[in-house]
Amino acid sequence: MCRNIRTLANFDPPATEDEIHASALQFVRKLSGTASPSRANEEAFNSAVEEVTAAAARLIRSLTSSAPPRNREEETAKARERSMKRFA
């Protein structure tokens, strides 16, 4: 359920709004225990997603690091290798 919640800080290029929103959506889904809310809860669910997106964007944009920015392709390759070892 949390496949899109991943590290977004210190990448070059920086995390996109879509990546931050996808992570926020997964976070709210995890907290609420549902992938899609009922009509009665839809407004609260969507509001929470927007609030978490805004907070996450502020956090990601304000973090600083003395480490060099990470490369997306290298990090993806590392994750694939870990996954292959784990599920082989």
N, C-alpha and C. Protein backbone atom coordinates (compact mmCIF):
# COMPACT_ATOMS: atom_id res chain seq x y z
N MET A 1 0.81 -1.20 0.00
CA MET A 1 0.00 0.00 0.00
C MET A 1 0.85 1.27 0.00
N CYS A 2 2.08 1.22 0.47
CA CYS A 2 2.91 2.41 0.59
C CYS A 2 4.00 2.47 -0.46
N ARG A 3 3.74 1.95 -1.62
CA ARG A 3 4.77 1.87 -2.64
C ARG A 3 5.29 3.23 -3.09
N ASN A 4 4.50 4.30 -2.98
CA ASN A 4 4.94 5.61 -3.42
C ASN A 4 5.55 6.45 -2.30
N ILE A 5 5.55 5.93 -1.09
CA ILE A 5 6.19 6.67 -0.01
C ILE A 5 7.66 6.30 -0.04
N ARG A 6 8.43 7.21 -0.55
CA ARG A 6 9.87 6.98 -0.65
C ARG A 6 10.61 8.28 -0.38
N THR A 7 11.89 8.16 -0.19
CA THR A 7 12.70 9.33 0.08
C THR A 7 12.64 10.27 -1.11
N LEU A 8 12.35 11.54 -0.83
CA LEU A 8 12.25 12.53 -1.89
C LEU A 8 13.25 13.67 -1.73
N ALA A 9 13.98 13.67 -0.63
CA ALA A 9 14.91 14.76 -0.37
C ALA A 9 16.27 14.52 -1.02
N ASN A 10 16.92 15.61 -1.36
CA ASN A 10 18.29 15.63 -1.86
C ASN A 10 18.47 14.88 -3.17
N PHE A 11 17.57 15.14 -4.11
CA PHE A 11 17.71 14.59 -5.45
C PHE A 11 17.96 15.72 -6.44
N ASP A 12 18.64 15.40 -7.50
CA ASP A 12 18.83 16.34 -8.59
C ASP A 12 18.32 15.69 -9.85
N PRO A 13 17.26 16.15 -10.45
CA PRO A 13 16.45 17.31 -10.09
C PRO A 13 15.59 17.03 -8.86
N PRO A 14 15.13 18.10 -8.20
CA PRO A 14 14.34 17.94 -6.98
C PRO A 14 13.04 17.19 -7.24
N ALA A 15 12.44 16.71 -6.17
CA ALA A 15 11.16 15.99 -6.26
C ALA A 15 10.12 16.89 -6.90
N THR A 16 9.29 16.29 -7.74
CA THR A 16 8.23 17.05 -8.40
C THR A 16 7.00 17.12 -7.51
N GLU A 17 6.10 18.03 -7.83
CA GLU A 17 4.84 18.14 -7.10
C GLU A 17 4.05 16.84 -7.22
N ASP A 18 4.11 16.19 -8.38
CA ASP A 18 3.40 14.92 -8.56
C ASP A 18 3.94 13.83 -7.65
N GLU A 19 5.27 13.78 -7.48
CA GLU A 19 5.87 12.78 -6.59
C GLU A 19 5.47 13.04 -5.14
N ILE A 20 5.48 14.29 -4.75
CA ILE A 20 5.11 14.65 -3.38
C ILE A 20 3.63 14.33 -3.15
N HIS A 21 2.78 14.65 -4.12
CA HIS A 21 1.35 14.37 -3.99
C HIS A 21 1.10 12.86 -3.91
N ALA A 22 1.79 12.08 -4.73
CA ALA A 22 1.61 10.62 -4.71
C ALA A 22 2.00 10.04 -3.35
N SER A 23 3.08 10.55 -2.77
CA SER A 23 3.49 10.08 -1.45
C SER A 23 2.46 10.48 -0.39
N ALA A 24 1.95 11.70 -0.48
CA ALA A 24 0.94 12.16 0.47
C ALA A 24 -0.33 11.32 0.37
N LEU A 25 -0.73 11.01 -0.85
CA LEU A 25 -1.93 10.19 -1.06
C LEU A 25 -1.75 8.81 -0.42
N GLN A 26 -0.61 8.20 -0.62
CA GLN A 26 -0.36 6.88 -0.03
C GLN A 26 -0.33 6.97 1.49
N PHE A 27 0.24 8.04 2.02
CA PHE A 27 0.29 8.24 3.47
C PHE A 27 -1.12 8.33 4.05
N VAL A 28 -1.98 9.13 3.43
CA VAL A 28 -3.35 9.28 3.91
C VAL A 28 -4.12 7.97 3.75
N ARG A 29 -3.88 7.26 2.66
CA ARG A 29 -4.52 5.95 2.48
C ARG A 29 -4.12 5.00 3.60
N LYS A 30 -2.85 5.01 3.95
CA LYS A 30 -2.36 4.13 5.01
C LYS A 30 -2.99 4.51 6.34
N LEU A 31 -3.01 5.80 6.66
CA LEU A 31 -3.58 6.24 7.93
C LEU A 31 -5.06 5.94 8.03
N SER A 32 -5.77 6.15 6.93
CA SER A 32 -7.23 5.96 6.96
C SER A 32 -7.63 4.49 6.81
N GLY A 33 -6.72 3.68 6.30
CA GLY A 33 -7.02 2.27 6.13
C GLY A 33 -7.87 1.98 4.91
N THR A 34 -7.94 2.94 3.99
CA THR A 34 -8.75 2.73 2.79
C THR A 34 -8.07 3.36 1.57
N ALA A 35 -8.20 2.72 0.44
CA ALA A 35 -7.64 3.25 -0.79
C ALA A 35 -8.55 4.30 -1.42
N SER A 36 -9.84 4.14 -1.21
CA SER A 36 -10.79 5.14 -1.71
C SER A 36 -11.87 5.33 -0.65
N PRO A 37 -12.07 6.56 -0.21
CA PRO A 37 -13.02 6.82 0.87
C PRO A 37 -14.46 6.72 0.40
N SER A 38 -15.34 6.55 1.34
CA SER A 38 -16.78 6.59 1.04
C SER A 38 -17.15 8.03 0.69
N ARG A 39 -18.31 8.20 0.11
CA ARG A 39 -18.76 9.56 -0.24
C ARG A 39 -18.85 10.44 1.00
N ALA A 40 -19.22 9.85 2.12
CA ALA A 40 -19.34 10.61 3.37
C ALA A 40 -17.98 11.12 3.85
N ASN A 41 -16.91 10.39 3.53
CA ASN A 41 -15.57 10.76 4.00
C ASN A 41 -14.69 11.36 2.92
N GLU A 42 -15.20 11.48 1.71
CA GLU A 42 -14.38 11.93 0.58
C GLU A 42 -13.80 13.32 0.80
N GLU A 43 -14.59 14.25 1.30
CA GLU A 43 -14.11 15.62 1.51
C GLU A 43 -12.98 15.65 2.54
N ALA A 44 -13.16 14.95 3.64
CA ALA A 44 -12.12 14.90 4.68
C ALA A 44 -10.86 14.24 4.15
N PHE A 45 -11.03 13.17 3.39
CA PHE A 45 -9.90 12.44 2.81
C PHE A 45 -9.11 13.35 1.87
N ASN A 46 -9.81 14.00 0.94
CA ASN A 46 -9.14 14.88 -0.03
C ASN A 46 -8.48 16.07 0.63
N SER A 47 -9.13 16.60 1.66
CA SER A 47 -8.55 17.71 2.41
C SER A 47 -7.26 17.28 3.09
N ALA A 48 -7.27 16.09 3.68
CA ALA A 48 -6.06 15.57 4.33
C ALA A 48 -4.94 15.38 3.32
N VAL A 49 -5.26 14.86 2.14
CA VAL A 49 -4.23 14.67 1.10
C VAL A 49 -3.60 16.02 0.75
N GLU A 50 -4.41 17.04 0.56
CA GLU A 50 -3.89 18.36 0.20
C GLU A 50 -3.04 18.95 1.32
N GLU A 51 -3.47 18.79 2.57
CA GLU A 51 -2.70 19.32 3.70
C GLU A 51 -1.37 18.59 3.84
N VAL A 52 -1.37 17.27 3.70
CA VAL A 52 -0.13 16.50 3.80
C VAL A 52 0.79 16.85 2.63
N THR A 53 0.24 17.03 1.45
CA THR A 53 1.04 17.43 0.29
C THR A 53 1.74 18.75 0.56
N ALA A 54 1.00 19.72 1.06
CA ALA A 54 1.58 21.04 1.34
C ALA A 54 2.67 20.95 2.40
N ALA A 55 2.41 20.20 3.47
CA ALA A 55 3.41 20.05 4.54
C ALA A 55 4.65 19.33 4.03
N ALA A 56 4.46 18.28 3.23
CA ALA A 56 5.59 17.54 2.70
C ALA A 56 6.41 18.40 1.75
N ALA A 57 5.73 19.19 0.92
CA ALA A 57 6.45 20.06 -0.01
C ALA A 57 7.29 21.09 0.75
N ARG A 58 6.71 21.67 1.81
CA ARG A 58 7.48 22.63 2.62
C ARG A 58 8.70 21.95 3.23
N LEU A 59 8.50 20.75 3.74
CA LEU A 59 9.61 20.02 4.36
C LEU A 59 10.70 19.73 3.34
N ILE A 60 10.34 19.15 2.22
CA ILE A 60 11.32 18.77 1.21
C ILE A 60 12.08 19.99 0.71
N ARG A 61 11.38 21.10 0.49
CA ARG A 61 12.03 22.31 -0.03
C ARG A 61 12.94 22.98 1.00
N SER A 62 12.67 22.76 2.30
CA SER A 62 13.45 23.44 3.33
C SER A 62 14.64 22.63 3.83
N LEU A 63 14.69 21.34 3.54
CA LEU A 63 15.80 20.52 4.00
C LEU A 63 17.09 20.89 3.27
N THR A 64 18.18 20.87 4.02
CA THR A 64 19.50 21.10 3.42
C THR A 64 20.38 19.90 3.73
N SER A 65 21.38 19.70 2.90
CA SER A 65 22.29 18.58 3.10
C SER A 65 23.67 18.95 2.58
N SER A 66 24.69 18.47 3.28
CA SER A 66 26.05 18.69 2.79
C SER A 66 26.47 17.57 1.84
N ALA A 67 25.65 16.52 1.75
CA ALA A 67 25.93 15.41 0.83
C ALA A 67 25.57 15.83 -0.59
N PRO A 68 26.26 15.28 -1.56
CA PRO A 68 25.91 15.61 -2.94
C PRO A 68 24.53 15.06 -3.28
N PRO A 69 23.81 15.72 -4.19
CA PRO A 69 22.47 15.23 -4.56
C PRO A 69 22.54 13.82 -5.12
N ARG A 70 21.51 13.03 -4.82
CA ARG A 70 21.46 11.65 -5.30
C ARG A 70 20.92 11.61 -6.72
N ASN A 71 21.34 10.58 -7.43
CA ASN A 71 20.92 10.37 -8.81
C ASN A 71 19.74 9.41 -8.81
N ARG A 72 18.65 9.78 -9.46
CA ARG A 72 17.44 8.97 -9.46
C ARG A 72 17.66 7.60 -10.09
N GLU A 73 18.36 7.56 -11.19
CA GLU A 73 18.59 6.28 -11.87
C GLU A 73 19.41 5.33 -11.00
N GLU A 74 20.43 5.85 -10.34
CA GLU A 74 21.25 5.02 -9.46
C GLU A 74 20.43 4.49 -8.28
N GLU A 75 19.61 5.35 -7.69
CA GLU A 75 18.78 4.93 -6.56
C GLU A 75 17.74 3.89 -6.99
N THR A 76 17.19 4.05 -8.18
CA THR A 76 16.23 3.08 -8.70
C THR A 76 16.91 1.74 -8.93
N ALA A 77 18.11 1.75 -9.47
CA ALA A 77 18.85 0.52 -9.70
C ALA A 77 19.17 -0.18 -8.38
N LYS A 78 19.55 0.58 -7.37
CA LYS A 78 19.84 0.01 -6.06
C LYS A 78 18.58 -0.64 -5.47
N ALA A 79 17.45 0.03 -5.60
CA ALA A 79 16.20 -0.50 -5.07
C ALA A 79 15.80 -1.79 -5.78
N ARG A 80 15.99 -1.82 -7.10
CA ARG A 80 15.68 -3.04 -7.85
C ARG A 80 16.56 -4.19 -7.40
N GLU A 81 17.84 -3.91 -7.17
CA GLU A 81 18.78 -4.95 -6.73
C GLU A 81 18.39 -5.46 -5.34
N ARG A 82 18.03 -4.56 -4.43
CA ARG A 82 17.59 -4.98 -3.10
C ARG A 82 16.34 -5.84 -3.20
N SER A 83 15.42 -5.46 -4.07
CA SER A 83 14.18 -6.19 -4.25
C SER A 83 14.45 -7.59 -4.82
N MET A 84 15.35 -7.67 -5.76
CA MET A 84 15.68 -8.98 -6.36
C MET A 84 16.28 -9.91 -5.32
N LYS A 85 17.16 -9.38 -4.47
CA LYS A 85 17.76 -10.19 -3.42
C LYS A 85 16.71 -10.63 -2.40
N ARG A 86 15.80 -9.71 -2.09
CA ARG A 86 14.79 -9.98 -1.08
C ARG A 86 13.76 -11.01 -1.55
N PHE A 87 13.35 -10.92 -2.79
CA PHE A 87 12.29 -11.78 -3.30
C PHE A 87 12.76 -12.88 -4.23
N ALA A 88 14.05 -13.08 -4.30
CA ALA A 88 14.59 -14.11 -5.20
C ALA A 88 14.31 -15.51 -4.72
